[in-house]
Amino acid sequence: MTAALLITQPAGAGLRDRFEVFGVPDGDMLKMRGGPGTGFDVILGLPNGTVVRIYDCTQTGSTRWCEISLDKARGLRGYASWAYLREL
C-alpha cells in the first residue's frame, strides 16, 4: 500500500535534483514523449548521459512515467520512463 502511494504522488514540490539518462541500449535513445505512455508522440530522443529534471511521476500500466525537462532547456518538457533515469 505504501509503495503504491509513493508511485502516484508527485516527485516533489517543483524541481527535484538532477537525474541522468542511463541504461539505454547502444544505438538507441530514451524517448521523451508528449504524455505518460507509448501512445504519445515522441518529442525528442535522449542519449545516455543527458541530464534532466523531474517534476512529477505517475504510474501508467506497468511503467512509471516522469514529467521531465532538459537541465539546460527547462522550457522543453515531456515524459520519460523512470526505468532509464538515475539520480546524480
PDB file of N, CA and C in Angstrom:
ATOM      1  N   MET A   1       0.820  -1.191   0.000  1.00  0.00           N
ATOM      2  CA  MET A   1       0.000   0.000   0.000  1.00  0.00           C
ATOM      3  C   MET A   1       0.867   1.259   0.000  1.00  0.00           C
ATOM      4  N   THR A   2       1.865   1.318   0.813  1.00  0.00           N
ATOM      5  CA  THR A   2       2.744   2.488   0.840  1.00  0.00           C
ATOM      6  C   THR A   2       3.437   2.675  -0.497  1.00  0.00           C
ATOM      7  N   ALA A   3       3.923   1.606  -1.122  1.00  0.00           N
ATOM      8  CA  ALA A   3       4.612   1.721  -2.406  1.00  0.00           C
ATOM      9  C   ALA A   3       3.696   2.326  -3.462  1.00  0.00           C
ATOM     10  N   ALA A   4       2.436   1.932  -3.480  1.00  0.00           N
ATOM     11  CA  ALA A   4       1.503   2.482  -4.465  1.00  0.00           C
ATOM     12  C   ALA A   4       1.323   3.975  -4.250  1.00  0.00           C
ATOM     13  N   LEU A   5       1.285   4.416  -3.011  1.00  0.00           N
ATOM     14  CA  LEU A   5       1.150   5.841  -2.742  1.00  0.00           C
ATOM     15  C   LEU A   5       2.373   6.601  -3.209  1.00  0.00           C
ATOM     16  N   LEU A   6       3.543   6.056  -2.991  1.00  0.00           N
ATOM     17  CA  LEU A   6       4.763   6.723  -3.413  1.00  0.00           C
ATOM     18  C   LEU A   6       4.840   6.844  -4.927  1.00  0.00           C
ATOM     19  N   ILE A   7       4.379   5.850  -5.629  1.00  0.00           N
ATOM     20  CA  ILE A   7       4.460   5.851  -7.086  1.00  0.00           C
ATOM     21  C   ILE A   7       3.537   6.902  -7.683  1.00  0.00           C
ATOM     22  N   THR A   8       2.372   7.118  -7.105  1.00  0.00           N
ATOM     23  CA  THR A   8       1.414   8.033  -7.706  1.00  0.00           C
ATOM     24  C   THR A   8       1.540   9.463  -7.200  1.00  0.00           C
ATOM     25  N   GLN A   9       2.313   9.697  -6.145  1.00  0.00           N
ATOM     26  CA  GLN A   9       2.481  11.055  -5.656  1.00  0.00           C
ATOM     27  C   GLN A   9       3.490  11.807  -6.498  1.00  0.00           C
ATOM     28  N   PRO A  10       3.424  13.151  -6.488  1.00  0.00           N
ATOM     29  CA  PRO A  10       4.409  13.948  -7.220  1.00  0.00           C
ATOM     30  C   PRO A  10       5.815  13.648  -6.747  1.00  0.00           C
ATOM     31  N   ALA A  11       6.774  13.858  -7.624  1.00  0.00           N
ATOM     32  CA  ALA A  11       8.172  13.616  -7.296  1.00  0.00           C
ATOM     33  C   ALA A  11       8.668  14.610  -6.269  1.00  0.00           C
ATOM     34  N   GLY A  12       7.958  15.663  -6.030  1.00  0.00           N
ATOM     35  CA  GLY A  12       8.341  16.660  -5.045  1.00  0.00           C
ATOM     36  C   GLY A  12       7.831  18.016  -5.501  1.00  0.00           C
ATOM     37  N   ALA A  13       7.874  18.953  -4.615  1.00  0.00           N
ATOM     38  CA  ALA A  13       7.421  20.298  -4.977  1.00  0.00           C
ATOM     39  C   ALA A  13       8.459  20.929  -5.896  1.00  0.00           C
ATOM     40  N   GLY A  14       8.021  21.342  -7.077  1.00  0.00           N
ATOM     41  CA  GLY A  14       8.951  21.949  -8.022  1.00  0.00           C
ATOM     42  C   GLY A  14       9.923  20.937  -8.565  1.00  0.00           C
ATOM     43  N   LEU A  15      11.110  21.392  -8.889  1.00  0.00           N
ATOM     44  CA  LEU A  15      12.133  20.528  -9.472  1.00  0.00           C
ATOM     45  C   LEU A  15      12.795  19.663  -8.419  1.00  0.00           C
ATOM     46  N   ARG A  16      13.105  18.448  -8.784  1.00  0.00           N
ATOM     47  CA  ARG A  16      13.926  17.585  -7.943  1.00  0.00           C
ATOM     48  C   ARG A  16      15.362  17.743  -8.387  1.00  0.00           C
ATOM     49  N   ASP A  17      16.234  17.083  -7.690  1.00  0.00           N
ATOM     50  CA  ASP A  17      17.637  17.099  -8.071  1.00  0.00           C
ATOM     51  C   ASP A  17      17.818  16.607  -9.495  1.00  0.00           C
ATOM     52  N   ARG A  18      18.996  16.747  -9.978  1.00  0.00           N
ATOM     53  CA  ARG A  18      19.295  16.356 -11.366  1.00  0.00           C
ATOM     54  C   ARG A  18      19.374  14.834 -11.505  1.00  0.00           C
ATOM     55  N   PHE A  19      18.911  14.359 -12.635  1.00  0.00           N
ATOM     56  CA  PHE A  19      18.957  12.939 -12.991  1.00  0.00           C
ATOM     57  C   PHE A  19      19.633  12.829 -14.346  1.00  0.00           C
ATOM     58  N   GLU A  20      20.115  11.628 -14.666  1.00  0.00           N
ATOM     59  CA  GLU A  20      20.671  11.412 -15.997  1.00  0.00           C
ATOM     60  C   GLU A  20      20.047  10.178 -16.618  1.00  0.00           C
ATOM     61  N   VAL A  21      20.006  10.200 -17.939  1.00  0.00           N
ATOM     62  CA  VAL A  21      19.541   9.054 -18.703  1.00  0.00           C
ATOM     63  C   VAL A  21      20.651   7.993 -18.651  1.00  0.00           C
ATOM     64  N   PHE A  22      20.265   6.747 -18.358  1.00  0.00           N
ATOM     65  CA  PHE A  22      21.235   5.653 -18.344  1.00  0.00           C
ATOM     66  C   PHE A  22      20.548   4.347 -18.725  1.00  0.00           C
ATOM     67  N   GLY A  23      21.342   3.388 -19.160  1.00  0.00           N
ATOM     68  CA  GLY A  23      20.835   2.054 -19.443  1.00  0.00           C
ATOM     69  C   GLY A  23      20.147   1.886 -20.783  1.00  0.00           C
ATOM     70  N   VAL A  24      20.155   2.922 -21.607  1.00  0.00           N
ATOM     71  CA  VAL A  24      19.562   2.806 -22.938  1.00  0.00           C
ATOM     72  C   VAL A  24      20.534   2.005 -23.809  1.00  0.00           C
ATOM     73  N   PRO A  25      20.059   0.993 -24.528  1.00  0.00           N
ATOM     74  CA  PRO A  25      20.950   0.182 -25.366  1.00  0.00           C
ATOM     75  C   PRO A  25      21.719   1.029 -26.388  1.00  0.00           C
ATOM     76  N   ASP A  26      22.929   0.586 -26.708  1.00  0.00           N
ATOM     77  CA  ASP A  26      23.735   1.271 -27.718  1.00  0.00           C
ATOM     78  C   ASP A  26      22.934   1.433 -28.998  1.00  0.00           C
ATOM     79  N   GLY A  27      23.072   2.585 -29.625  1.00  0.00           N
ATOM     80  CA  GLY A  27      22.373   2.847 -30.875  1.00  0.00           C
ATOM     81  C   GLY A  27      20.925   3.273 -30.702  1.00  0.00           C
ATOM     82  N   ASP A  28      20.458   3.414 -29.458  1.00  0.00           N
ATOM     83  CA  ASP A  28      19.075   3.814 -29.202  1.00  0.00           C
ATOM     84  C   ASP A  28      19.074   5.042 -28.302  1.00  0.00           C
ATOM     85  N   MET A  29      17.912   5.643 -28.105  1.00  0.00           N
ATOM     86  CA  MET A  29      17.758   6.794 -27.224  1.00  0.00           C
ATOM     87  C   MET A  29      16.487   6.639 -26.413  1.00  0.00           C
ATOM     88  N   LEU A  30      16.473   7.227 -25.216  1.00  0.00           N
ATOM     89  CA  LEU A  30      15.263   7.289 -24.408  1.00  0.00           C
ATOM     90  C   LEU A  30      14.324   8.291 -25.070  1.00  0.00           C
ATOM     91  N   LYS A  31      13.105   7.904 -25.272  1.00  0.00           N
ATOM     92  CA  LYS A  31      12.144   8.764 -25.952  1.00  0.00           C
ATOM     93  C   LYS A  31      11.432   9.668 -24.949  1.00  0.00           C
ATOM     94  N   MET A  32      11.558  10.985 -25.149  1.00  0.00           N
ATOM     95  CA  MET A  32      10.773  11.950 -24.392  1.00  0.00           C
ATOM     96  C   MET A  32       9.467  12.107 -25.161  1.00  0.00           C
ATOM     97  N   ARG A  33       8.345  11.837 -24.493  1.00  0.00           N
ATOM     98  CA  ARG A  33       7.040  11.809 -25.153  1.00  0.00           C
ATOM     99  C   ARG A  33       6.141  12.945 -24.681  1.00  0.00           C
ATOM    100  N   GLY A  34       5.098  13.184 -25.437  1.00  0.00           N
ATOM    101  CA  GLY A  34       4.155  14.242 -25.127  1.00  0.00           C
ATOM    102  C   GLY A  34       3.222  13.933 -23.976  1.00  0.00           C
ATOM    103  N   GLY A  35       3.214  12.707 -23.491  1.00  0.00           N
ATOM    104  CA  GLY A  35       2.367  12.298 -22.375  1.00  0.00           C
ATOM    105  C   GLY A  35       2.898  11.015 -21.774  1.00  0.00           C
ATOM    106  N   PRO A  36       2.284  10.564 -20.679  1.00  0.00           N
ATOM    107  CA  PRO A  36       2.780   9.390 -19.949  1.00  0.00           C
ATOM    108  C   PRO A  36       2.349   8.050 -20.549  1.00  0.00           C
ATOM    109  N   GLY A  37       2.955   7.686 -21.672  1.00  0.00           N
ATOM    110  CA  GLY A  37       2.646   6.403 -22.292  1.00  0.00           C
ATOM    111  C   GLY A  37       3.219   6.320 -23.687  1.00  0.00           C
ATOM    112  N   THR A  38       3.346   5.103 -24.190  1.00  0.00           N
ATOM    113  CA  THR A  38       3.937   4.897 -25.511  1.00  0.00           C
ATOM    114  C   THR A  38       3.018   5.344 -26.644  1.00  0.00           C
ATOM    115  N   GLY A  39       1.762   5.619 -26.353  1.00  0.00           N
ATOM    116  CA  GLY A  39       0.838   6.090 -27.374  1.00  0.00           C
ATOM    117  C   GLY A  39       0.990   7.573 -27.694  1.00  0.00           C
ATOM    118  N   PHE A  40       1.811   8.275 -26.932  1.00  0.00           N
ATOM    119  CA  PHE A  40       2.021   9.706 -27.165  1.00  0.00           C
ATOM    120  C   PHE A  40       3.187   9.917 -28.125  1.00  0.00           C
ATOM    121  N   ASP A  41       3.128  11.025 -28.858  1.00  0.00           N
ATOM    122  CA  ASP A  41       4.178  11.353 -29.828  1.00  0.00           C
ATOM    123  C   ASP A  41       5.531  11.515 -29.151  1.00  0.00           C
ATOM    124  N   VAL A  42       6.576  11.128 -29.874  1.00  0.00           N
ATOM    125  CA  VAL A  42       7.940  11.329 -29.408  1.00  0.00           C
ATOM    126  C   VAL A  42       8.330  12.774 -29.698  1.00  0.00           C
ATOM    127  N   ILE A  43       8.789  13.471 -28.672  1.00  0.00           N
ATOM    128  CA  ILE A  43       9.233  14.858 -28.798  1.00  0.00           C
ATOM    129  C   ILE A  43      10.712  14.908 -29.149  1.00  0.00           C
ATOM    130  N   LEU A  44      11.480  14.030 -28.492  1.00  0.00           N
ATOM    131  CA  LEU A  44      12.932  14.097 -28.589  1.00  0.00           C
ATOM    132  C   LEU A  44      13.532  12.771 -28.157  1.00  0.00           C
ATOM    133  N   GLY A  45      14.674  12.400 -28.721  1.00  0.00           N
ATOM    134  CA  GLY A  45      15.431  11.234 -28.273  1.00  0.00           C
ATOM    135  C   GLY A  45      16.561  11.694 -27.373  1.00  0.00           C
ATOM    136  N   LEU A  46      16.713  11.038 -26.227  1.00  0.00           N
ATOM    137  CA  LEU A  46      17.729  11.423 -25.245  1.00  0.00           C
ATOM    138  C   LEU A  46      18.778  10.323 -25.105  1.00  0.00           C
ATOM    139  N   PRO A  47      20.024  10.591 -25.460  1.00  0.00           N
ATOM    140  CA  PRO A  47      21.061   9.572 -25.303  1.00  0.00           C
ATOM    141  C   PRO A  47      21.481   9.427 -23.842  1.00  0.00           C
ATOM    142  N   ASN A  48      22.127   8.310 -23.531  1.00  0.00           N
ATOM    143  CA  ASN A  48      22.686   8.116 -22.193  1.00  0.00           C
ATOM    144  C   ASN A  48      23.536   9.329 -21.827  1.00  0.00           C
ATOM    145  N   GLY A  49      23.443   9.731 -20.562  1.00  0.00           N
ATOM    146  CA  GLY A  49      24.230  10.864 -20.073  1.00  0.00           C
ATOM    147  C   GLY A  49      23.502  12.196 -20.126  1.00  0.00           C
ATOM    148  N   THR A  50      22.345  12.264 -20.807  1.00  0.00           N
ATOM    149  CA  THR A  50      21.575  13.502 -20.855  1.00  0.00           C
ATOM    150  C   THR A  50      21.065  13.827 -19.453  1.00  0.00           C
ATOM    151  N   VAL A  51      21.261  15.058 -19.004  1.00  0.00           N
ATOM    152  CA  VAL A  51      20.837  15.478 -17.669  1.00  0.00           C
ATOM    153  C   VAL A  51      19.453  16.112 -17.757  1.00  0.00           C
ATOM    154  N   VAL A  52      18.542  15.652 -16.866  1.00  0.00           N
ATOM    155  CA  VAL A  52      17.162  16.135 -16.840  1.00  0.00           C
ATOM    156  C   VAL A  52      16.755  16.468 -15.406  1.00  0.00           C
ATOM    157  N   ARG A  53      15.644  17.176 -15.292  1.00  0.00           N
ATOM    158  CA  ARG A  53      14.995  17.453 -14.006  1.00  0.00           C
ATOM    159  C   ARG A  53      13.634  16.782 -14.015  1.00  0.00           C
ATOM    160  N   ILE A  54      13.209  16.251 -12.871  1.00  0.00           N
ATOM    161  CA  ILE A  54      11.913  15.582 -12.754  1.00  0.00           C
ATOM    162  C   ILE A  54      10.937  16.497 -12.021  1.00  0.00           C
ATOM    163  N   TYR A  55       9.727  16.629 -12.591  1.00  0.00           N
ATOM    164  CA  TYR A  55       8.676  17.430 -11.975  1.00  0.00           C
ATOM    165  C   TYR A  55       7.666  16.567 -11.238  1.00  0.00           C
ATOM    166  N   ASP A  56       7.294  15.439 -11.839  1.00  0.00           N
ATOM    167  CA  ASP A  56       6.206  14.627 -11.311  1.00  0.00           C
ATOM    168  C   ASP A  56       6.305  13.234 -11.930  1.00  0.00           C
ATOM    169  N   CYS A  57       5.882  12.218 -11.208  1.00  0.00           N
ATOM    170  CA  CYS A  57       5.859  10.854 -11.753  1.00  0.00           C
ATOM    171  C   CYS A  57       4.481  10.247 -11.520  1.00  0.00           C
ATOM    172  N   THR A  58       4.080   9.383 -12.452  1.00  0.00           N
ATOM    173  CA  THR A  58       2.798   8.707 -12.358  1.00  0.00           C
ATOM    174  C   THR A  58       2.930   7.299 -12.940  1.00  0.00           C
ATOM    175  N   GLN A  59       2.142   6.388 -12.431  1.00  0.00           N
ATOM    176  CA  GLN A  59       2.150   5.009 -12.916  1.00  0.00           C
ATOM    177  C   GLN A  59       1.103   4.851 -14.002  1.00  0.00           C
ATOM    178  N   THR A  60       1.503   4.348 -15.166  1.00  0.00           N
ATOM    179  CA  THR A  60       0.582   4.036 -16.256  1.00  0.00           C
ATOM    180  C   THR A  60       0.849   2.599 -16.660  1.00  0.00           C
ATOM    181  N   GLY A  61      -0.089   1.710 -16.362  1.00  0.00           N
ATOM    182  CA  GLY A  61       0.144   0.293 -16.614  1.00  0.00           C
ATOM    183  C   GLY A  61       1.296  -0.180 -15.747  1.00  0.00           C
ATOM    184  N   SER A  62       2.273  -0.825 -16.360  1.00  0.00           N
ATOM    185  CA  SER A  62       3.413  -1.337 -15.594  1.00  0.00           C
ATOM    186  C   SER A  62       4.611  -0.387 -15.622  1.00  0.00           C
ATOM    187  N   THR A  63       4.447   0.802 -16.215  1.00  0.00           N
ATOM    188  CA  THR A  63       5.567   1.732 -16.351  1.00  0.00           C
ATOM    189  C   THR A  63       5.334   2.981 -15.511  1.00  0.00           C
ATOM    190  N   ARG A  64       6.370   3.405 -14.823  1.00  0.00           N
ATOM    191  CA  ARG A  64       6.343   4.665 -14.094  1.00  0.00           C
ATOM    192  C   ARG A  64       6.884   5.743 -15.035  1.00  0.00           C
ATOM    193  N   TRP A  65       6.056   6.726 -15.347  1.00  0.00           N
ATOM    194  CA  TRP A  65       6.418   7.817 -16.250  1.00  0.00           C
ATOM    195  C   TRP A  65       6.665   9.080 -15.444  1.00  0.00           C
ATOM    196  N   CYS A  66       7.722   9.809 -15.810  1.00  0.00           N
ATOM    197  CA  CYS A  66       8.041  11.050 -15.120  1.00  0.00           C
ATOM    198  C   CYS A  66       7.998  12.209 -16.098  1.00  0.00           C
ATOM    199  N   GLU A  67       7.387  13.307 -15.645  1.00  0.00           N
ATOM    200  CA  GLU A  67       7.424  14.535 -16.431  1.00  0.00           C
ATOM    201  C   GLU A  67       8.784  15.165 -16.186  1.00  0.00           C
ATOM    202  N   ILE A  68       9.512  15.416 -17.260  1.00  0.00           N
ATOM    203  CA  ILE A  68      10.882  15.896 -17.149  1.00  0.00           C
ATOM    204  C   ILE A  68      11.096  17.134 -18.020  1.00  0.00           C
ATOM    205  N   SER A  69      12.193  17.812 -17.736  1.00  0.00           N
ATOM    206  CA  SER A  69      12.693  18.851 -18.643  1.00  0.00           C
ATOM    207  C   SER A  69      14.188  18.632 -18.775  1.00  0.00           C
ATOM    208  N   LEU A  70      14.735  19.129 -19.853  1.00  0.00           N
ATOM    209  CA  LEU A  70      16.178  19.080 -20.019  1.00  0.00           C
ATOM    210  C   LEU A  70      16.795  20.052 -19.023  1.00  0.00           C
ATOM    211  N   ASP A  71      17.908  19.688 -18.432  1.00  0.00           N
ATOM    212  CA  ASP A  71      18.565  20.538 -17.448  1.00  0.00           C
ATOM    213  C   ASP A  71      18.940  21.885 -18.054  1.00  0.00           C
ATOM    214  N   LYS A  72      19.362  21.883 -19.307  1.00  0.00           N
ATOM    215  CA  LYS A  72      19.828  23.113 -19.950  1.00  0.00           C
ATOM    216  C   LYS A  72      18.776  23.762 -20.846  1.00  0.00           C
ATOM    217  N   ALA A  73      17.581  23.186 -20.884  1.00  0.00           N
ATOM    218  CA  ALA A  73      16.481  23.761 -21.675  1.00  0.00           C
ATOM    219  C   ALA A  73      15.184  23.435 -20.946  1.00  0.00           C
ATOM    220  N   ARG A  74      14.975  24.068 -19.814  1.00  0.00           N
ATOM    221  CA  ARG A  74      13.854  23.709 -18.944  1.00  0.00           C
ATOM    222  C   ARG A  74      12.490  24.003 -19.535  1.00  0.00           C
ATOM    223  N   GLY A  75      12.445  24.808 -20.579  1.00  0.00           N
ATOM    224  CA  GLY A  75      11.170  25.068 -21.234  1.00  0.00           C
ATOM    225  C   GLY A  75      10.677  23.895 -22.063  1.00  0.00           C
ATOM    226  N   LEU A  76      11.562  22.968 -22.370  1.00  0.00           N
ATOM    227  CA  LEU A  76      11.208  21.769 -23.135  1.00  0.00           C
ATOM    228  C   LEU A  76      10.856  20.664 -22.150  1.00  0.00           C
ATOM    229  N   ARG A  77       9.564  20.342 -22.066  1.00  0.00           N
ATOM    230  CA  ARG A  77       9.098  19.336 -21.105  1.00  0.00           C
ATOM    231  C   ARG A  77       8.386  18.210 -21.819  1.00  0.00           C
ATOM    232  N   GLY A  78       8.489  17.024 -21.238  1.00  0.00           N
ATOM    233  CA  GLY A  78       7.819  15.852 -21.760  1.00  0.00           C
ATOM    234  C   GLY A  78       7.876  14.740 -20.730  1.00  0.00           C
ATOM    235  N   TYR A  79       7.614  13.520 -21.150  1.00  0.00           N
ATOM    236  CA  TYR A  79       7.569  12.364 -20.250  1.00  0.00           C
ATOM    237  C   TYR A  79       8.559  11.303 -20.699  1.00  0.00           C
ATOM    238  N   ALA A  80       9.177  10.639 -19.716  1.00  0.00           N
ATOM    239  CA  ALA A  80      10.108   9.552 -19.998  1.00  0.00           C
ATOM    240  C   ALA A  80       9.946   8.472 -18.938  1.00  0.00           C
ATOM    241  N   SER A  81      10.334   7.271 -19.280  1.00  0.00           N
ATOM    242  CA  SER A  81      10.246   6.147 -18.347  1.00  0.00           C
ATOM    243  C   SER A  81      11.255   6.294 -17.221  1.00  0.00           C
ATOM    244  N   TRP A  82      10.770   6.133 -15.993  1.00  0.00           N
ATOM    245  CA  TRP A  82      11.594   6.195 -14.787  1.00  0.00           C
ATOM    246  C   TRP A  82      12.708   5.145 -14.821  1.00  0.00           C
ATOM    247  N   ALA A  83      12.493   4.036 -15.494  1.00  0.00           N
ATOM    248  CA  ALA A  83      13.443   2.922 -15.513  1.00  0.00           C
ATOM    249  C   ALA A  83      14.798   3.334 -16.094  1.00  0.00           C
ATOM    250  N   TYR A  84      14.833   4.416 -16.889  1.00  0.00           N
ATOM    251  CA  TYR A  84      16.073   4.846 -17.527  1.00  0.00           C
ATOM    252  C   TYR A  84      16.616   6.153 -16.956  1.00  0.00           C
ATOM    253  N   LEU A  85      16.204   6.488 -15.737  1.00  0.00           N
ATOM    254  CA  LEU A  85      16.683   7.697 -15.080  1.00  0.00           C
ATOM    255  C   LEU A  85      17.330   7.342 -13.751  1.00  0.00           C
ATOM    256  N   ARG A  86      18.477   7.968 -13.472  1.00  0.00           N
ATOM    257  CA  ARG A  86      19.101   7.765 -12.161  1.00  0.00           C
ATOM    258  C   ARG A  86      19.583   9.104 -11.626  1.00  0.00           C
ATOM    259  N   GLU A  87      19.467   9.239 -10.312  1.00  0.00           N
ATOM    260  CA  GLU A  87      19.838  10.492  -9.662  1.00  0.00           C
ATOM    261  C   GLU A  87      21.343  10.706  -9.710  1.00  0.00           C
ATOM    262  N   LEU A  88      21.729  11.926  -9.966  1.00  0.00           N
ATOM    263  CA  LEU A  88      23.162  12.279  -9.971  1.00  0.00           C
ATOM    264  C   LEU A  88      23.623  12.619  -8.564  1.00  0.00           C
TER     265      LEU A  88
END
